[in-house]
Amino acid sequence: MTDAPSRSWIEIYTTPQCPDCIALKRWLRNLGIPFVEHDLRDPLIAEEARERTGMRIAPLTLIEGQVFWGTFSHQAPQIAELLGLTAAAA
């Protein structure tokens, strides 16, 4: 039996039509990384995001107390580094 790499708890705040949100979710799914998604269209969720991070933008990614925001191409390398993924994965 081999040890599976431990994965961090990932939460993402998204909107359905956001291209960077779609890219982020596709990337995480392709890597087999589970995440919990929150829909920023819900005013209560948007307020929760603002209270937790000071922002209500999409996509917004929370991992191990760290907040990543901005475009997918901006977030992916930072997330990959935090999760110990290879450079090719970003």
N, C-alpha and C. Protein backbone atom coordinates (compact mmCIF):
# COMPACT_ATOMS: atom_id res chain seq x y z
N MET A 1 0.83 -1.18 0.00
CA MET A 1 0.00 0.00 0.00
C MET A 1 0.88 1.24 0.00
N THR A 2 0.54 2.20 -0.87
CA THR A 2 1.32 3.44 -0.92
C THR A 2 0.54 4.56 -0.25
N ASP A 3 1.28 5.49 0.26
CA ASP A 3 0.63 6.64 0.90
C ASP A 3 0.22 7.63 -0.17
N ALA A 4 -1.05 8.01 -0.16
CA ALA A 4 -1.53 9.04 -1.08
C ALA A 4 -1.07 10.39 -0.55
N PRO A 5 -0.72 11.31 -1.46
CA PRO A 5 -0.31 12.62 -0.98
C PRO A 5 -1.47 13.29 -0.25
N SER A 6 -1.16 13.96 0.83
CA SER A 6 -2.23 14.63 1.56
C SER A 6 -2.63 15.88 0.80
N ARG A 7 -3.90 16.15 0.79
CA ARG A 7 -4.42 17.31 0.07
C ARG A 7 -4.99 18.30 1.07
N SER A 8 -4.84 19.55 0.77
CA SER A 8 -5.37 20.60 1.62
C SER A 8 -6.85 20.79 1.34
N TRP A 9 -7.54 21.36 2.32
CA TRP A 9 -8.93 21.72 2.15
C TRP A 9 -8.97 22.98 1.28
N ILE A 10 -9.67 22.91 0.15
CA ILE A 10 -9.73 24.03 -0.78
C ILE A 10 -11.16 24.50 -0.91
N GLU A 11 -11.34 25.81 -0.77
CA GLU A 11 -12.62 26.44 -1.01
C GLU A 11 -12.44 27.47 -2.11
N ILE A 12 -13.40 27.51 -3.03
CA ILE A 12 -13.34 28.52 -4.08
C ILE A 12 -14.67 29.26 -4.13
N TYR A 13 -14.58 30.56 -4.34
CA TYR A 13 -15.75 31.41 -4.54
C TYR A 13 -15.76 31.75 -6.02
N THR A 14 -16.88 31.45 -6.69
CA THR A 14 -16.95 31.59 -8.13
C THR A 14 -18.29 32.17 -8.58
N THR A 15 -18.36 32.45 -9.86
CA THR A 15 -19.61 32.74 -10.54
C THR A 15 -19.66 31.86 -11.79
N PRO A 16 -20.86 31.49 -12.24
CA PRO A 16 -20.97 30.52 -13.34
C PRO A 16 -20.36 30.95 -14.67
N GLN A 17 -20.43 32.22 -15.01
CA GLN A 17 -19.97 32.68 -16.32
C GLN A 17 -18.53 33.19 -16.33
N CYS A 18 -17.87 33.17 -15.21
CA CYS A 18 -16.50 33.69 -15.10
C CYS A 18 -15.51 32.73 -15.77
N PRO A 19 -14.83 33.17 -16.84
CA PRO A 19 -13.89 32.28 -17.53
C PRO A 19 -12.75 31.78 -16.64
N ASP A 20 -12.25 32.64 -15.75
CA ASP A 20 -11.18 32.21 -14.86
C ASP A 20 -11.68 31.21 -13.82
N CYS A 21 -12.94 31.35 -13.40
CA CYS A 21 -13.53 30.38 -12.48
C CYS A 21 -13.65 29.02 -13.15
N ILE A 22 -14.12 29.03 -14.38
CA ILE A 22 -14.27 27.79 -15.14
C ILE A 22 -12.91 27.12 -15.32
N ALA A 23 -11.90 27.91 -15.66
CA ALA A 23 -10.55 27.36 -15.86
C ALA A 23 -10.00 26.78 -14.55
N LEU A 24 -10.20 27.48 -13.44
CA LEU A 24 -9.71 27.01 -12.14
C LEU A 24 -10.37 25.69 -11.76
N LYS A 25 -11.68 25.61 -11.91
CA LYS A 25 -12.39 24.37 -11.56
C LYS A 25 -11.95 23.22 -12.46
N ARG A 26 -11.80 23.47 -13.75
CA ARG A 26 -11.36 22.43 -14.69
C ARG A 26 -9.97 21.93 -14.31
N TRP A 27 -9.07 22.85 -13.99
CA TRP A 27 -7.70 22.51 -13.63
C TRP A 27 -7.67 21.64 -12.37
N LEU A 28 -8.41 22.07 -11.34
CA LEU A 28 -8.44 21.28 -10.10
C LEU A 28 -9.02 19.89 -10.34
N ARG A 29 -10.11 19.82 -11.11
CA ARG A 29 -10.72 18.51 -11.41
C ARG A 29 -9.75 17.63 -12.20
N ASN A 30 -9.08 18.20 -13.19
CA ASN A 30 -8.13 17.42 -13.99
C ASN A 30 -6.98 16.86 -13.14
N LEU A 31 -6.63 17.59 -12.10
CA LEU A 31 -5.57 17.12 -11.19
C LEU A 31 -6.11 16.19 -10.11
N GLY A 32 -7.42 16.02 -10.07
CA GLY A 32 -8.03 15.17 -9.06
C GLY A 32 -8.03 15.79 -7.68
N ILE A 33 -8.03 17.11 -7.63
CA ILE A 33 -7.99 17.82 -6.35
C ILE A 33 -9.41 18.24 -5.99
N PRO A 34 -9.93 17.73 -4.88
CA PRO A 34 -11.30 18.10 -4.48
C PRO A 34 -11.35 19.54 -3.95
N PHE A 35 -12.49 20.14 -4.12
CA PHE A 35 -12.70 21.49 -3.62
C PHE A 35 -14.17 21.68 -3.28
N VAL A 36 -14.42 22.69 -2.47
CA VAL A 36 -15.77 23.10 -2.14
C VAL A 36 -16.00 24.43 -2.83
N GLU A 37 -17.10 24.52 -3.58
CA GLU A 37 -17.39 25.73 -4.35
C GLU A 37 -18.51 26.52 -3.69
N HIS A 38 -18.35 27.84 -3.67
CA HIS A 38 -19.36 28.76 -3.17
C HIS A 38 -19.74 29.71 -4.30
N ASP A 39 -21.02 29.92 -4.52
CA ASP A 39 -21.53 30.75 -5.61
C ASP A 39 -21.69 32.20 -5.13
N LEU A 40 -20.87 33.08 -5.68
CA LEU A 40 -20.89 34.48 -5.28
C LEU A 40 -22.16 35.23 -5.71
N ARG A 41 -23.01 34.61 -6.52
CA ARG A 41 -24.27 35.27 -6.88
C ARG A 41 -25.21 35.37 -5.69
N ASP A 42 -25.03 34.48 -4.72
CA ASP A 42 -25.85 34.51 -3.51
C ASP A 42 -25.32 35.64 -2.62
N PRO A 43 -26.15 36.63 -2.30
CA PRO A 43 -25.69 37.75 -1.48
C PRO A 43 -25.08 37.34 -0.14
N LEU A 44 -25.62 36.30 0.48
CA LEU A 44 -25.06 35.84 1.75
C LEU A 44 -23.66 35.26 1.56
N ILE A 45 -23.47 34.54 0.46
CA ILE A 45 -22.14 33.97 0.16
C ILE A 45 -21.15 35.09 -0.16
N ALA A 46 -21.60 36.08 -0.93
CA ALA A 46 -20.74 37.22 -1.26
C ALA A 46 -20.32 37.95 0.00
N GLU A 47 -21.24 38.13 0.93
CA GLU A 47 -20.91 38.79 2.19
C GLU A 47 -19.96 37.94 3.02
N GLU A 48 -20.17 36.62 3.02
CA GLU A 48 -19.25 35.71 3.72
C GLU A 48 -17.84 35.84 3.17
N ALA A 49 -17.72 35.87 1.83
CA ALA A 49 -16.41 36.01 1.19
C ALA A 49 -15.75 37.31 1.61
N ARG A 50 -16.52 38.39 1.63
CA ARG A 50 -15.98 39.69 2.02
C ARG A 50 -15.52 39.68 3.47
N GLU A 51 -16.32 39.07 4.34
CA GLU A 51 -15.94 39.01 5.76
C GLU A 51 -14.68 38.17 5.97
N ARG A 52 -14.57 37.08 5.23
CA ARG A 52 -13.41 36.18 5.40
C ARG A 52 -12.14 36.72 4.77
N THR A 53 -12.28 37.44 3.65
CA THR A 53 -11.09 37.81 2.88
C THR A 53 -10.93 39.29 2.60
N GLY A 54 -12.01 40.05 2.80
CA GLY A 54 -11.98 41.47 2.44
C GLY A 54 -12.32 41.70 0.98
N MET A 55 -12.63 40.62 0.24
CA MET A 55 -12.92 40.72 -1.19
C MET A 55 -14.18 39.96 -1.55
N ARG A 56 -14.75 40.35 -2.69
CA ARG A 56 -15.89 39.62 -3.25
C ARG A 56 -15.67 39.47 -4.75
N ILE A 57 -14.52 39.02 -5.12
CA ILE A 57 -14.19 38.87 -6.54
C ILE A 57 -14.14 37.39 -6.90
N ALA A 58 -14.20 37.12 -8.17
CA ALA A 58 -14.15 35.73 -8.62
C ALA A 58 -13.04 35.57 -9.65
N PRO A 59 -12.32 34.46 -9.58
CA PRO A 59 -12.35 33.46 -8.53
C PRO A 59 -11.53 33.88 -7.32
N LEU A 60 -11.94 33.37 -6.21
CA LEU A 60 -11.28 33.59 -4.93
C LEU A 60 -11.04 32.22 -4.34
N THR A 61 -9.78 31.90 -4.03
CA THR A 61 -9.41 30.56 -3.57
C THR A 61 -8.82 30.64 -2.17
N LEU A 62 -9.31 29.78 -1.29
CA LEU A 62 -8.79 29.72 0.08
C LEU A 62 -8.22 28.33 0.33
N ILE A 63 -6.94 28.31 0.76
CA ILE A 63 -6.26 27.06 1.07
C ILE A 63 -5.38 27.30 2.30
N GLU A 64 -5.60 26.49 3.32
CA GLU A 64 -4.77 26.56 4.53
C GLU A 64 -4.60 27.98 5.06
N GLY A 65 -5.68 28.73 5.08
CA GLY A 65 -5.63 30.09 5.59
C GLY A 65 -5.05 31.12 4.63
N GLN A 66 -4.61 30.68 3.47
CA GLN A 66 -4.09 31.60 2.47
C GLN A 66 -5.16 31.91 1.45
N VAL A 67 -5.16 33.14 0.96
CA VAL A 67 -6.15 33.59 -0.01
C VAL A 67 -5.45 33.90 -1.33
N PHE A 68 -6.00 33.33 -2.40
CA PHE A 68 -5.49 33.59 -3.74
C PHE A 68 -6.60 34.24 -4.55
N TRP A 69 -6.29 35.28 -5.28
CA TRP A 69 -7.28 35.95 -6.09
C TRP A 69 -6.63 36.44 -7.38
N GLY A 70 -7.45 36.81 -8.30
CA GLY A 70 -6.96 37.25 -9.61
C GLY A 70 -7.26 36.21 -10.66
N THR A 71 -6.67 36.37 -11.80
CA THR A 71 -6.92 35.47 -12.92
C THR A 71 -6.43 34.06 -12.61
N PHE A 72 -6.95 33.10 -13.37
CA PHE A 72 -6.50 31.72 -13.22
C PHE A 72 -4.99 31.63 -13.45
N SER A 73 -4.50 32.29 -14.50
CA SER A 73 -3.06 32.19 -14.80
C SER A 73 -2.21 32.80 -13.69
N HIS A 74 -2.77 33.70 -12.92
CA HIS A 74 -2.05 34.29 -11.79
C HIS A 74 -2.10 33.35 -10.57
N GLN A 75 -3.27 32.74 -10.33
CA GLN A 75 -3.45 31.88 -9.17
C GLN A 75 -2.77 30.51 -9.31
N ALA A 76 -2.86 29.92 -10.48
CA ALA A 76 -2.42 28.52 -10.65
C ALA A 76 -0.98 28.27 -10.19
N PRO A 77 0.00 29.07 -10.58
CA PRO A 77 1.37 28.78 -10.12
C PRO A 77 1.52 28.88 -8.60
N GLN A 78 0.81 29.82 -8.00
CA GLN A 78 0.88 29.98 -6.55
C GLN A 78 0.25 28.78 -5.83
N ILE A 79 -0.90 28.34 -6.34
CA ILE A 79 -1.58 27.19 -5.76
C ILE A 79 -0.74 25.94 -5.96
N ALA A 80 -0.18 25.78 -7.15
CA ALA A 80 0.66 24.61 -7.44
C ALA A 80 1.85 24.56 -6.48
N GLU A 81 2.46 25.70 -6.22
CA GLU A 81 3.60 25.73 -5.30
C GLU A 81 3.17 25.36 -3.88
N LEU A 82 2.06 25.91 -3.42
CA LEU A 82 1.57 25.60 -2.08
C LEU A 82 1.26 24.12 -1.92
N LEU A 83 0.67 23.52 -2.97
CA LEU A 83 0.27 22.12 -2.90
C LEU A 83 1.40 21.16 -3.28
N GLY A 84 2.55 21.69 -3.66
CA GLY A 84 3.68 20.84 -4.00
C GLY A 84 3.51 20.13 -5.33
N LEU A 85 2.81 20.78 -6.26
CA LEU A 85 2.61 20.18 -7.57
C LEU A 85 3.78 20.53 -8.47
N THR A 86 3.99 19.75 -9.50
CA THR A 86 5.07 20.02 -10.44
C THR A 86 4.76 21.27 -11.22
N ALA A 87 5.78 21.89 -11.77
CA ALA A 87 5.61 23.12 -12.56
C ALA A 87 4.69 22.85 -13.75
N ALA A 88 4.74 21.66 -14.32
CA ALA A 88 3.92 21.32 -15.48
C ALA A 88 2.44 21.34 -15.13
N ALA A 89 2.11 21.14 -13.87
CA ALA A 89 0.71 21.10 -13.46
C ALA A 89 0.10 22.50 -13.44
N ALA A 90 0.92 23.51 -13.34
CA ALA A 90 0.39 24.89 -13.28
C ALA A 90 0.18 25.43 -14.61
